[in-house]
PDB file of N, CA and C in Angstrom:
ATOM      1  N   MET A   1     -68.780-126.418 -39.770  1.00  0.00           N
ATOM      2  CA  MET A   1     -69.227-126.023 -40.644  1.00  0.00           C
ATOM      3  C   MET A   1     -68.201-125.833 -41.594  1.00  0.00           C
ATOM      4  N   ALA A   2     -69.169-126.660 -42.582  1.00  0.00           N
ATOM      5  CA  ALA A   2     -67.822-126.946 -44.155  1.00  0.00           C
ATOM      6  C   ALA A   2     -68.832-126.497 -44.936  1.00  0.00           C
ATOM      7  N   ILE A   3     -67.931-126.083 -46.492  1.00  0.00           N
ATOM      8  CA  ILE A   3     -68.255-125.866 -47.624  1.00  0.00           C
ATOM      9  C   ILE A   3     -67.825-126.501 -48.714  1.00  0.00           C
ATOM     10  N   SER A   4     -68.301-126.983 -49.389  1.00  0.00           N
ATOM     11  CA  SER A   4     -67.791-127.872 -50.851  1.00  0.00           C
ATOM     12  C   SER A   4     -68.077-127.332 -52.156  1.00  0.00           C
ATOM     13  N   ALA A   5     -67.451-127.496 -52.535  1.00  0.00           N
ATOM     14  CA  ALA A   5     -67.705-127.281 -54.270  1.00  0.00           C
ATOM     15  C   ALA A   5     -68.074-128.126 -55.036  1.00  0.00           C
ATOM     16  N   ILE A   6     -68.951-129.094 -55.673  1.00  0.00           N
ATOM     17  CA  ILE A   6     -69.703-130.464 -56.357  1.00  0.00           C
ATOM     18  C   ILE A   6     -70.204-130.492 -57.466  1.00  0.00           C
ATOM     19  N   ASP A   7     -69.463-129.138 -58.100  1.00  0.00           N
ATOM     20  CA  ASP A   7     -69.389-129.200 -60.034  1.00  0.00           C
ATOM     21  C   ASP A   7     -68.150-129.491 -60.336  1.00  0.00           C
ATOM     22  N   ALA A   8     -67.832-130.544 -60.856  1.00  0.00           N
ATOM     23  CA  ALA A   8     -66.661-130.969 -61.720  1.00  0.00           C
ATOM     24  C   ALA A   8     -65.961-130.152 -61.978  1.00  0.00           C
ATOM     25  N   GLU A   9     -64.809-130.100 -61.045  1.00  0.00           N
ATOM     26  CA  GLU A   9     -63.047-129.123 -61.797  1.00  0.00           C
ATOM     27  C   GLU A   9     -63.893-127.822 -61.738  1.00  0.00           C
ATOM     28  N   ARG A  10     -64.787-126.962 -60.308  1.00  0.00           N
ATOM     29  CA  ARG A  10     -64.629-125.771 -60.677  1.00  0.00           C
ATOM     30  C   ARG A  10     -64.370-125.761 -59.149  1.00  0.00           C
ATOM     31  N   THR A  11     -63.383-124.422 -59.039  1.00  0.00           N
ATOM     32  CA  THR A  11     -63.302-123.687 -57.849  1.00  0.00           C
ATOM     33  C   THR A  11     -64.497-123.652 -56.443  1.00  0.00           C
ATOM     34  N   LEU A  12     -64.533-123.509 -54.836  1.00  0.00           N
ATOM     35  CA  LEU A  12     -65.527-122.714 -54.294  1.00  0.00           C
ATOM     36  C   LEU A  12     -66.052-121.460 -55.182  1.00  0.00           C
ATOM     37  N   SER A  13     -64.878-120.717 -55.717  1.00  0.00           N
ATOM     38  CA  SER A  13     -65.934-119.579 -56.425  1.00  0.00           C
ATOM     39  C   SER A  13     -66.329-119.312 -56.970  1.00  0.00           C
ATOM     40  N   GLN A  14     -66.201-120.803 -58.092  1.00  0.00           N
ATOM     41  CA  GLN A  14     -66.352-120.898 -58.804  1.00  0.00           C
ATOM     42  C   GLN A  14     -67.807-121.493 -59.164  1.00  0.00           C
ATOM     43  N   SER A  15     -67.813-122.528 -58.382  1.00  0.00           N
ATOM     44  CA  SER A  15     -69.282-123.504 -58.263  1.00  0.00           C
ATOM     45  C   SER A  15     -70.260-122.642 -57.722  1.00  0.00           C
ATOM     46  N   ARG A  16     -71.063-123.791 -59.294  1.00  0.00           N
ATOM     47  CA  ARG A  16     -72.752-123.310 -58.891  1.00  0.00           C
ATOM     48  C   ARG A  16     -73.720-124.295 -58.195  1.00  0.00           C
ATOM     49  N   ARG A  17     -72.768-125.350 -57.421  1.00  0.00           N
ATOM     50  CA  ARG A  17     -73.541-126.251 -56.288  1.00  0.00           C
ATOM     51  C   ARG A  17     -72.190-126.271 -55.278  1.00  0.00           C
ATOM     52  N   LEU A  18     -72.697-126.251 -54.137  1.00  0.00           N
ATOM     53  CA  LEU A  18     -72.287-126.472 -53.615  1.00  0.00           C
ATOM     54  C   LEU A  18     -73.272-127.281 -51.702  1.00  0.00           C
ATOM     55  N   LEU A  19     -72.353-127.787 -51.426  1.00  0.00           N
ATOM     56  CA  LEU A  19     -72.616-128.843 -50.283  1.00  0.00           C
ATOM     57  C   LEU A  19     -72.145-128.264 -48.743  1.00  0.00           C
ATOM     58  N   LEU A  20     -72.924-127.838 -48.097  1.00  0.00           N
ATOM     59  CA  LEU A  20     -72.936-127.394 -46.536  1.00  0.00           C
ATOM     60  C   LEU A  20     -72.674-128.006 -46.050  1.00  0.00           C
ATOM     61  N   ILE A  21     -72.467-128.372 -44.901  1.00  0.00           N
ATOM     62  CA  ILE A  21     -72.188-129.239 -43.816  1.00  0.00           C
ATOM     63  C   ILE A  21     -72.491-128.766 -42.190  1.00  0.00           C
ATOM     64  N   PHE A  22     -73.353-128.812 -41.904  1.00  0.00           N
ATOM     65  CA  PHE A  22     -73.080-127.938 -40.249  1.00  0.00           C
ATOM     66  C   PHE A  22     -73.361-129.004 -39.336  1.00  0.00           C
ATOM     67  N   ALA A  23     -72.646-129.532 -38.397  1.00  0.00           N
ATOM     68  CA  ALA A  23     -72.415-130.154 -37.896  1.00  0.00           C
ATOM     69  C   ALA A  23     -72.674-130.351 -36.169  1.00  0.00           C
ATOM     70  N   THR A  24     -73.363-130.379 -35.848  1.00  0.00           N
ATOM     71  CA  THR A  24     -73.680-129.789 -34.173  1.00  0.00           C
ATOM     72  C   THR A  24     -73.347-131.122 -33.554  1.00  0.00           C
ATOM     73  N   ASP A  25     -73.256-131.359 -31.869  1.00  0.00           N
ATOM     74  CA  ASP A  25     -73.598-132.142 -30.841  1.00  0.00           C
ATOM     75  C   ASP A  25     -73.894-133.445 -31.631  1.00  0.00           C
ATOM     76  N   ALA A  26     -73.420-134.805 -31.302  1.00  0.00           N
ATOM     77  CA  ALA A  26     -74.364-135.944 -32.146  1.00  0.00           C
ATOM     78  C   ALA A  26     -74.464-136.961 -30.778  1.00  0.00           C
ATOM     79  N   GLN A  27     -75.590-137.823 -30.687  1.00  0.00           N
ATOM     80  CA  GLN A  27     -75.134-139.178 -29.592  1.00  0.00           C
ATOM     81  C   GLN A  27     -76.427-139.782 -30.197  1.00  0.00           C
ATOM     82  N   ASN A  28     -75.909-141.170 -29.902  1.00  0.00           N
ATOM     83  CA  ASN A  28     -76.949-141.970 -30.284  1.00  0.00           C
ATOM     84  C   ASN A  28     -77.986-142.261 -29.051  1.00  0.00           C
ATOM     85  N   SER A  29     -79.262-142.293 -29.479  1.00  0.00           N
ATOM     86  CA  SER A  29     -80.328-142.515 -27.978  1.00  0.00           C
ATOM     87  C   SER A  29     -79.931-143.504 -26.851  1.00  0.00           C
ATOM     88  N   ASN A  30     -80.169-143.163 -25.970  1.00  0.00           N
ATOM     89  CA  ASN A  30     -79.755-143.388 -24.523  1.00  0.00           C
ATOM     90  C   ASN A  30     -78.116-143.955 -24.607  1.00  0.00           C
ATOM     91  N   MET A  31     -77.865-143.234 -24.940  1.00  0.00           N
ATOM     92  CA  MET A  31     -75.888-143.083 -24.814  1.00  0.00           C
ATOM     93  C   MET A  31     -75.587-142.760 -23.406  1.00  0.00           C
ATOM     94  N   VAL A  32     -74.684-143.881 -22.725  1.00  0.00           N
ATOM     95  CA  VAL A  32     -74.415-143.594 -20.900  1.00  0.00           C
ATOM     96  C   VAL A  32     -72.938-143.341 -21.200  1.00  0.00           C
ATOM     97  N   PHE A  33     -72.647-142.307 -20.269  1.00  0.00           N
ATOM     98  CA  PHE A  33     -70.859-141.941 -20.257  1.00  0.00           C
ATOM     99  C   PHE A  33     -70.709-142.259 -18.912  1.00  0.00           C
ATOM    100  N   ARG A  34     -69.074-142.693 -18.631  1.00  0.00           N
ATOM    101  CA  ARG A  34     -69.139-143.376 -17.865  1.00  0.00           C
ATOM    102  C   ARG A  34     -68.465-141.832 -16.602  1.00  0.00           C
ATOM    103  N   ASP A  35     -67.882-140.857 -17.794  1.00  0.00           N
ATOM    104  CA  ASP A  35     -67.886-139.629 -16.578  1.00  0.00           C
ATOM    105  C   ASP A  35     -68.627-138.049 -17.376  1.00  0.00           C
ATOM    106  N   SER A  36     -68.620-137.038 -16.513  1.00  0.00           N
ATOM    107  CA  SER A  36     -69.415-136.161 -16.678  1.00  0.00           C
ATOM    108  C   SER A  36     -68.586-135.064 -18.034  1.00  0.00           C
ATOM    109  N   ASP A  37     -67.656-135.824 -18.325  1.00  0.00           N
ATOM    110  CA  ASP A  37     -66.579-134.887 -19.495  1.00  0.00           C
ATOM    111  C   ASP A  37     -67.367-135.743 -20.465  1.00  0.00           C
ATOM    112  N   GLU A  38     -67.870-135.964 -20.479  1.00  0.00           N
ATOM    113  CA  GLU A  38     -68.110-137.545 -21.624  1.00  0.00           C
ATOM    114  C   GLU A  38     -66.693-137.897 -22.842  1.00  0.00           C
ATOM    115  N   LYS A  39     -66.033-138.176 -21.703  1.00  0.00           N
ATOM    116  CA  LYS A  39     -64.852-138.545 -22.522  1.00  0.00           C
ATOM    117  C   LYS A  39     -64.840-140.053 -22.957  1.00  0.00           C
ATOM    118  N   VAL A  40     -65.487-141.075 -21.678  1.00  0.00           N
ATOM    119  CA  VAL A  40     -65.688-142.159 -21.491  1.00  0.00           C
ATOM    120  C   VAL A  40     -67.149-142.667 -21.951  1.00  0.00           C
ATOM    121  N   ILE A  41     -67.389-143.262 -22.916  1.00  0.00           N
ATOM    122  CA  ILE A  41     -68.698-144.266 -23.535  1.00  0.00           C
ATOM    123  C   ILE A  41     -68.645-145.545 -22.237  1.00  0.00           C
ATOM    124  N   GLU A  42     -69.682-145.525 -21.492  1.00  0.00           N
ATOM    125  CA  GLU A  42     -70.387-146.466 -20.998  1.00  0.00           C
ATOM    126  C   GLU A  42     -70.936-147.516 -21.302  1.00  0.00           C
ATOM    127  N   ASP A  43     -72.143-147.101 -22.470  1.00  0.00           N
ATOM    128  CA  ASP A  43     -73.365-147.575 -23.764  1.00  0.00           C
ATOM    129  C   ASP A  43     -73.373-146.739 -24.718  1.00  0.00           C
ATOM    130  N   PHE A  44     -72.871-147.575 -25.879  1.00  0.00           N
ATOM    131  CA  PHE A  44     -72.948-146.762 -26.785  1.00  0.00           C
ATOM    132  C   PHE A  44     -74.650-146.441 -27.316  1.00  0.00           C
ATOM    133  N   GLY A  45     -75.829-146.856 -26.531  1.00  0.00           N
ATOM    134  CA  GLY A  45     -77.204-146.794 -27.015  1.00  0.00           C
ATOM    135  C   GLY A  45     -77.497-147.155 -28.417  1.00  0.00           C
ATOM    136  N   GLU A  46     -78.260-146.698 -29.226  1.00  0.00           N
ATOM    137  CA  GLU A  46     -78.486-147.026 -30.207  1.00  0.00           C
ATOM    138  C   GLU A  46     -79.583-146.084 -31.097  1.00  0.00           C
ATOM    139  N   LEU A  47     -80.131-146.036 -32.063  1.00  0.00           N
ATOM    140  CA  LEU A  47     -80.857-145.886 -33.248  1.00  0.00           C
ATOM    141  C   LEU A  47     -81.763-144.802 -32.884  1.00  0.00           C
ATOM    142  N   PRO A  48     -82.096-143.948 -33.139  1.00  0.00           N
ATOM    143  CA  PRO A  48     -81.958-143.176 -34.301  1.00  0.00           C
ATOM    144  C   PRO A  48     -80.743-141.727 -33.455  1.00  0.00           C
ATOM    145  N   VAL A  49     -79.727-141.771 -33.938  1.00  0.00           N
ATOM    146  CA  VAL A  49     -78.720-140.892 -33.549  1.00  0.00           C
ATOM    147  C   VAL A  49     -79.954-139.409 -33.554  1.00  0.00           C
ATOM    148  N   ARG A  50     -79.396-138.411 -32.321  1.00  0.00           N
ATOM    149  CA  ARG A  50     -79.775-137.611 -31.918  1.00  0.00           C
ATOM    150  C   ARG A  50     -79.054-136.100 -32.101  1.00  0.00           C
ATOM    151  N   ILE A  51     -79.160-135.134 -32.820  1.00  0.00           N
ATOM    152  CA  ILE A  51     -78.368-134.185 -33.062  1.00  0.00           C
ATOM    153  C   ILE A  51     -78.925-132.988 -32.400  1.00  0.00           C
ATOM    154  N   ARG A  52     -77.933-131.784 -31.955  1.00  0.00           N
ATOM    155  CA  ARG A  52     -77.966-130.609 -31.137  1.00  0.00           C
ATOM    156  C   ARG A  52     -78.746-129.833 -31.483  1.00  0.00           C
ATOM    157  N   LYS A  53     -80.062-128.840 -31.982  1.00  0.00           N
ATOM    158  CA  LYS A  53     -80.144-128.279 -32.144  1.00  0.00           C
ATOM    159  C   LYS A  53     -79.529-126.788 -32.728  1.00  0.00           C
ATOM    160  N   ASN A  54     -79.497-126.580 -34.093  1.00  0.00           N
ATOM    161  CA  ASN A  54     -78.963-125.009 -33.463  1.00  0.00           C
ATOM    162  C   ASN A  54     -78.791-123.742 -35.217  1.00  0.00           C
ATOM    163  N   TYR A  55     -78.045-123.079 -35.029  1.00  0.00           N
ATOM    164  CA  TYR A  55     -78.422-122.895 -36.192  1.00  0.00           C
ATOM    165  C   TYR A  55     -77.235-121.699 -36.476  1.00  0.00           C
ATOM    166  N   VAL A  56     -76.742-120.962 -37.770  1.00  0.00           N
ATOM    167  CA  VAL A  56     -75.838-120.469 -38.264  1.00  0.00           C
ATOM    168  C   VAL A  56     -76.364-119.715 -39.459  1.00  0.00           C
ATOM    169  N   ASP A  57     -76.047-117.546 -39.016  1.00  0.00           N
ATOM    170  CA  ASP A  57     -76.271-117.110 -40.185  1.00  0.00           C
ATOM    171  C   ASP A  57     -75.085-117.000 -41.050  1.00  0.00           C
ATOM    172  N   LEU A  58     -75.332-117.312 -42.450  1.00  0.00           N
ATOM    173  CA  LEU A  58     -73.874-117.136 -43.393  1.00  0.00           C
ATOM    174  C   LEU A  58     -73.897-116.482 -44.303  1.00  0.00           C
ATOM    175  N   GLU A  59     -72.801-115.335 -45.006  1.00  0.00           N
ATOM    176  CA  GLU A  59     -72.788-115.191 -46.452  1.00  0.00           C
ATOM    177  C   GLU A  59     -71.818-115.399 -47.196  1.00  0.00           C
ATOM    178  N   LEU A  60     -72.130-115.861 -48.296  1.00  0.00           N
ATOM    179  CA  LEU A  60     -71.259-116.080 -49.292  1.00  0.00           C
ATOM    180  C   LEU A  60     -70.771-114.556 -50.167  1.00  0.00           C
ATOM    181  N   SER A  61     -69.527-114.418 -50.062  1.00  0.00           N
ATOM    182  CA  SER A  61     -68.514-113.762 -50.346  1.00  0.00           C
ATOM    183  C   SER A  61     -68.853-113.341 -51.800  1.00  0.00           C
ATOM    184  N   ARG A  62     -70.036-113.451 -52.451  1.00  0.00           N
ATOM    185  CA  ARG A  62     -69.890-112.913 -53.748  1.00  0.00           C
ATOM    186  C   ARG A  62     -72.175-113.391 -54.046  1.00  0.00           C
ATOM    187  N   THR A  63     -72.796-112.879 -55.149  1.00  0.00           N
ATOM    188  CA  THR A  63     -73.824-112.609 -55.609  1.00  0.00           C
ATOM    189  C   THR A  63     -74.198-113.440 -56.923  1.00  0.00           C
ATOM    190  N   ALA A  64     -75.266-113.792 -56.867  1.00  0.00           N
ATOM    191  CA  ALA A  64     -75.798-114.466 -57.383  1.00  0.00           C
ATOM    192  C   ALA A  64     -76.998-114.274 -58.391  1.00  0.00           C
ATOM    193  N   GLY A  65     -77.366-114.633 -59.581  1.00  0.00           N
ATOM    194  CA  GLY A  65     -78.459-114.113 -60.465  1.00  0.00           C
ATOM    195  C   GLY A  65     -79.794-114.422 -59.461  1.00  0.00           C
ATOM    196  N   LYS A  66     -80.063-115.746 -59.337  1.00  0.00           N
ATOM    197  CA  LYS A  66     -80.797-116.733 -58.150  1.00  0.00           C
ATOM    198  C   LYS A  66     -80.091-117.316 -57.661  1.00  0.00           C
ATOM    199  N   TRP A  67     -79.823-117.939 -56.673  1.00  0.00           N
ATOM    200  CA  TRP A  67     -80.139-118.966 -55.744  1.00  0.00           C
ATOM    201  C   TRP A  67     -81.191-119.580 -54.512  1.00  0.00           C
ATOM    202  N   SER A  68     -80.592-120.739 -54.399  1.00  0.00           N
ATOM    203  CA  SER A  68     -81.918-121.551 -53.111  1.00  0.00           C
ATOM    204  C   SER A  68     -80.867-122.443 -52.752  1.00  0.00           C
ATOM    205  N   LEU A  69     -81.764-123.104 -51.533  1.00  0.00           N
ATOM    206  CA  LEU A  69     -80.902-123.663 -50.445  1.00  0.00           C
ATOM    207  C   LEU A  69     -82.221-124.592 -50.202  1.00  0.00           C
ATOM    208  N   SER A  70     -81.280-126.096 -50.409  1.00  0.00           N
ATOM    209  CA  SER A  70     -82.460-127.177 -49.894  1.00  0.00           C
ATOM    210  C   SER A  70     -81.542-128.245 -49.123  1.00  0.00           C
ATOM    211  N   PRO A  71     -82.330-128.424 -48.046  1.00  0.00           N
ATOM    212  CA  PRO A  71     -82.149-129.237 -47.257  1.00  0.00           C
ATOM    213  C   PRO A  71     -82.041-130.933 -47.883  1.00  0.00           C
ATOM    214  N   VAL A  72     -80.798-132.034 -47.404  1.00  0.00           N
ATOM    215  CA  VAL A  72     -80.758-133.124 -47.768  1.00  0.00           C
ATOM    216  C   VAL A  72     -80.430-133.780 -46.688  1.00  0.00           C
ATOM    217  N   GLY A  73     -81.390-135.023 -47.061  1.00  0.00           N
ATOM    218  CA  GLY A  73     -81.939-135.863 -45.982  1.00  0.00           C
ATOM    219  C   GLY A  73     -80.664-136.747 -45.640  1.00  0.00           C
ATOM    220  N   LEU A  74     -80.324-137.449 -44.344  1.00  0.00           N
ATOM    221  CA  LEU A  74     -79.434-138.088 -44.013  1.00  0.00           C
ATOM    222  C   LEU A  74     -79.645-139.934 -45.081  1.00  0.00           C
ATOM    223  N   ASP A  75     -80.695-139.971 -46.037  1.00  0.00           N
ATOM    224  CA  ASP A  75     -80.393-140.861 -47.074  1.00  0.00           C
ATOM    225  C   ASP A  75     -80.264-140.372 -48.156  1.00  0.00           C
ATOM    226  N   GLY A  76     -79.911-138.881 -48.711  1.00  0.00           N
ATOM    227  CA  GLY A  76     -79.297-138.373 -49.899  1.00  0.00           C
ATOM    228  C   GLY A  76     -80.408-137.348 -50.352  1.00  0.00           C
ATOM    229  N   THR A  77     -81.869-137.782 -49.947  1.00  0.00           N
ATOM    230  CA  THR A  77     -82.590-137.345 -50.438  1.00  0.00           C
ATOM    231  C   THR A  77     -82.355-135.280 -50.661  1.00  0.00           C
ATOM    232  N   VAL A  78     -82.763-134.691 -51.473  1.00  0.00           N
ATOM    233  CA  VAL A  78     -82.554-133.577 -51.457  1.00  0.00           C
ATOM    234  C   VAL A  78     -84.245-133.093 -51.647  1.00  0.00           C
ATOM    235  N   TYR A  79     -84.552-132.599 -50.451  1.00  0.00           N
ATOM    236  CA  TYR A  79     -85.858-131.700 -50.118  1.00  0.00           C
ATOM    237  C   TYR A  79     -85.964-130.228 -50.716  1.00  0.00           C
ATOM    238  N   PRO A  80     -87.329-129.643 -51.287  1.00  0.00           N
ATOM    239  CA  PRO A  80     -86.809-128.596 -51.927  1.00  0.00           C
ATOM    240  C   PRO A  80     -86.772-127.099 -50.916  1.00  0.00           C
ATOM    241  N   PRO A  81     -86.439-126.161 -51.428  1.00  0.00           N
ATOM    242  CA  PRO A  81     -85.720-125.023 -50.851  1.00  0.00           C
ATOM    243  C   PRO A  81     -86.547-125.227 -49.363  1.00  0.00           C
ATOM    244  N   VAL A  82     -85.352-124.228 -48.428  1.00  0.00           N
ATOM    245  CA  VAL A  82     -86.132-123.992 -47.682  1.00  0.00           C
ATOM    246  C   VAL A  82     -85.694-122.442 -47.840  1.00  0.00           C
ATOM    247  N   ASP A  83     -84.824-122.009 -48.179  1.00  0.00           N
ATOM    248  CA  ASP A  83     -84.806-120.799 -48.731  1.00  0.00           C
ATOM    249  C   ASP A  83     -83.886-119.920 -50.308  1.00  0.00           C
ATOM    250  N   ARG A  84     -84.425-119.118 -50.632  1.00  0.00           N
ATOM    251  CA  ARG A  84     -83.845-118.895 -51.779  1.00  0.00           C
ATOM    252  C   ARG A  84     -84.026-117.071 -52.247  1.00  0.00           C
ATOM    253  N   GLY A  85     -83.396-117.269 -52.950  1.00  0.00           N
ATOM    254  CA  GLY A  85     -83.234-115.129 -53.383  1.00  0.00           C
ATOM    255  C   GLY A  85     -82.516-115.198 -54.231  1.00  0.00           C
ATOM    256  N   SER A  86     -82.020-114.044 -54.744  1.00  0.00           N
ATOM    257  CA  SER A  86     -81.449-113.385 -55.450  1.00  0.00           C
ATOM    258  C   SER A  86     -80.370-112.047 -55.521  1.00  0.00           C
ATOM    259  N   GLY A  87     -79.662-112.410 -56.179  1.00  0.00           N
ATOM    260  CA  GLY A  87     -78.265-111.335 -55.950  1.00  0.00           C
ATOM    261  C   GLY A  87     -77.546-111.459 -54.103  1.00  0.00           C
ATOM    262  N   ARG A  88     -77.499-110.932 -53.200  1.00  0.00           N
ATOM    263  CA  ARG A  88     -76.134-111.375 -51.674  1.00  0.00           C
ATOM    264  C   ARG A  88     -77.029-112.811 -51.975  1.00  0.00           C
ATOM    265  N   VAL A  89     -76.127-113.868 -51.414  1.00  0.00           N
ATOM    266  CA  VAL A  89     -76.168-114.468 -50.882  1.00  0.00           C
ATOM    267  C   VAL A  89     -75.912-114.915 -49.409  1.00  0.00           C
ATOM    268  N   ALA A  90     -76.849-114.864 -48.423  1.00  0.00           N
ATOM    269  CA  ALA A  90     -77.209-114.444 -47.225  1.00  0.00           C
ATOM    270  C   ALA A  90     -78.386-115.636 -46.354  1.00  0.00           C
ATOM    271  N   PHE A  91     -78.588-116.265 -45.927  1.00  0.00           N
ATOM    272  CA  PHE A  91     -79.245-117.292 -45.054  1.00  0.00           C
ATOM    273  C   PHE A  91     -79.370-117.248 -43.960  1.00  0.00           C
ATOM    274  N   ARG A  92     -79.717-117.605 -42.966  1.00  0.00           N
ATOM    275  CA  ARG A  92     -80.037-118.789 -41.908  1.00  0.00           C
ATOM    276  C   ARG A  92     -80.019-120.129 -42.014  1.00  0.00           C
ATOM    277  N   LEU A  93     -79.149-120.862 -41.660  1.00  0.00           N
ATOM    278  CA  LEU A  93     -79.128-122.457 -41.733  1.00  0.00           C
ATOM    279  C   LEU A  93     -78.970-123.008 -40.057  1.00  0.00           C
ATOM    280  N   SER A  94     -80.411-124.004 -40.102  1.00  0.00           N
ATOM    281  CA  SER A  94     -80.990-124.425 -39.567  1.00  0.00           C
ATOM    282  C   SER A  94     -80.573-126.100 -39.570  1.00  0.00           C
ATOM    283  N   ASN A  95     -80.365-126.741 -38.392  1.00  0.00           N
ATOM    284  CA  ASN A  95     -80.576-128.194 -38.979  1.00  0.00           C
ATOM    285  C   ASN A  95     -81.981-128.319 -38.632  1.00  0.00           C
ATOM    286  N   ASP A  96     -82.704-128.125 -37.906  1.00  0.00           N
ATOM    287  CA  ASP A  96     -83.913-128.180 -37.696  1.00  0.00           C
ATOM    288  C   ASP A  96     -85.374-127.833 -38.983  1.00  0.00           C
ATOM    289  N   THR A  97     -85.305-128.699 -39.860  1.00  0.00           N
ATOM    290  CA  THR A  97     -85.933-128.111 -40.861  1.00  0.00           C
ATOM    291  C   THR A  97     -87.296-129.304 -40.946  1.00  0.00           C
ATOM    292  N   PRO A  98     -88.023-128.651 -42.017  1.00  0.00           N
ATOM    293  CA  PRO A  98     -88.942-129.290 -42.267  1.00  0.00           C
ATOM    294  C   PRO A  98     -89.585-130.670 -42.600  1.00  0.00           C
ATOM    295  N   TYR A  99     -88.606-131.081 -42.986  1.00  0.00           N
ATOM    296  CA  TYR A  99     -88.138-132.709 -43.246  1.00  0.00           C
ATOM    297  C   TYR A  99     -87.726-133.565 -42.606  1.00  0.00           C
ATOM    298  N   GLY A 100     -87.531-132.963 -41.661  1.00  0.00           N
ATOM    299  CA  GLY A 100     -86.571-133.806 -39.994  1.00  0.00           C
ATOM    300  C   GLY A 100     -85.251-133.132 -40.127  1.00  0.00           C
ATOM    301  N   PRO A 101     -84.309-133.245 -38.857  1.00  0.00           N
ATOM    302  CA  PRO A 101     -82.886-133.038 -38.708  1.00  0.00           C
ATOM    303  C   PRO A 101     -82.179-133.361 -39.903  1.00  0.00           C
ATOM    304  N   THR A 102     -80.972-132.775 -40.550  1.00  0.00           N
ATOM    305  CA  THR A 102     -79.819-133.041 -40.622  1.00  0.00           C
ATOM    306  C   THR A 102     -78.682-132.109 -40.827  1.00  0.00           C
ATOM    307  N   THR A 103     -77.842-132.813 -41.354  1.00  0.00           N
ATOM    308  CA  THR A 103     -76.635-131.584 -40.873  1.00  0.00           C
ATOM    309  C   THR A 103     -76.100-131.519 -42.878  1.00  0.00           C
ATOM    310  N   TYR A 104     -76.567-131.803 -43.703  1.00  0.00           N
ATOM    311  CA  TYR A 104     -76.625-131.646 -45.334  1.00  0.00           C
ATOM    312  C   TYR A 104     -77.387-130.457 -45.766  1.00  0.00           C
ATOM    313  N   PHE A 105     -76.694-129.418 -46.629  1.00  0.00           N
ATOM    314  CA  PHE A 105     -77.206-128.450 -47.283  1.00  0.00           C
ATOM    315  C   PHE A 105     -77.102-128.645 -48.825  1.00  0.00           C
ATOM    316  N   LEU A 106     -77.294-128.029 -49.341  1.00  0.00           N
ATOM    317  CA  LEU A 106     -77.728-127.660 -51.088  1.00  0.00           C
ATOM    318  C   LEU A 106     -77.630-126.509 -51.423  1.00  0.00           C
ATOM    319  N   VAL A 107     -76.823-125.795 -51.886  1.00  0.00           N
ATOM    320  CA  VAL A 107     -76.222-124.504 -52.338  1.00  0.00           C
ATOM    321  C   VAL A 107     -76.479-124.809 -54.060  1.00  0.00           C
ATOM    322  N   GLU A 108     -77.225-124.066 -54.362  1.00  0.00           N
ATOM    323  CA  GLU A 108     -77.545-123.995 -56.134  1.00  0.00           C
ATOM    324  C   GLU A 108     -77.441-122.457 -57.037  1.00  0.00           C
ATOM    325  N   MET A 109     -76.887-122.039 -57.696  1.00  0.00           N
ATOM    326  CA  MET A 109     -77.116-120.755 -57.821  1.00  0.00           C
ATOM    327  C   MET A 109     -76.822-120.823 -59.204  1.00  0.00           C
TER     328      MET A 109
END
């Protein structure tokens, strides 16, 4: 899990736009390992990349008049919000979105 401010010259606590990265285990389709610990790759497989479905509950240590959480596709497309609110910024973040799996999310406040 990583959070970055994406407003020019604003700190994380001042930013009104945050990029969240939620990375879980990822492997190419049909990837083969030589060992049970999956440290030695026998065959890199092919696309598409498979990511492990998961979620995390997040709460930012600030409040906002209004906020929204939008998935960002692996091609950079920002999709419609999957969560929104006002006041306390808290939500469950899942990499399994209605628009397909992703590791990127945009929080706007």
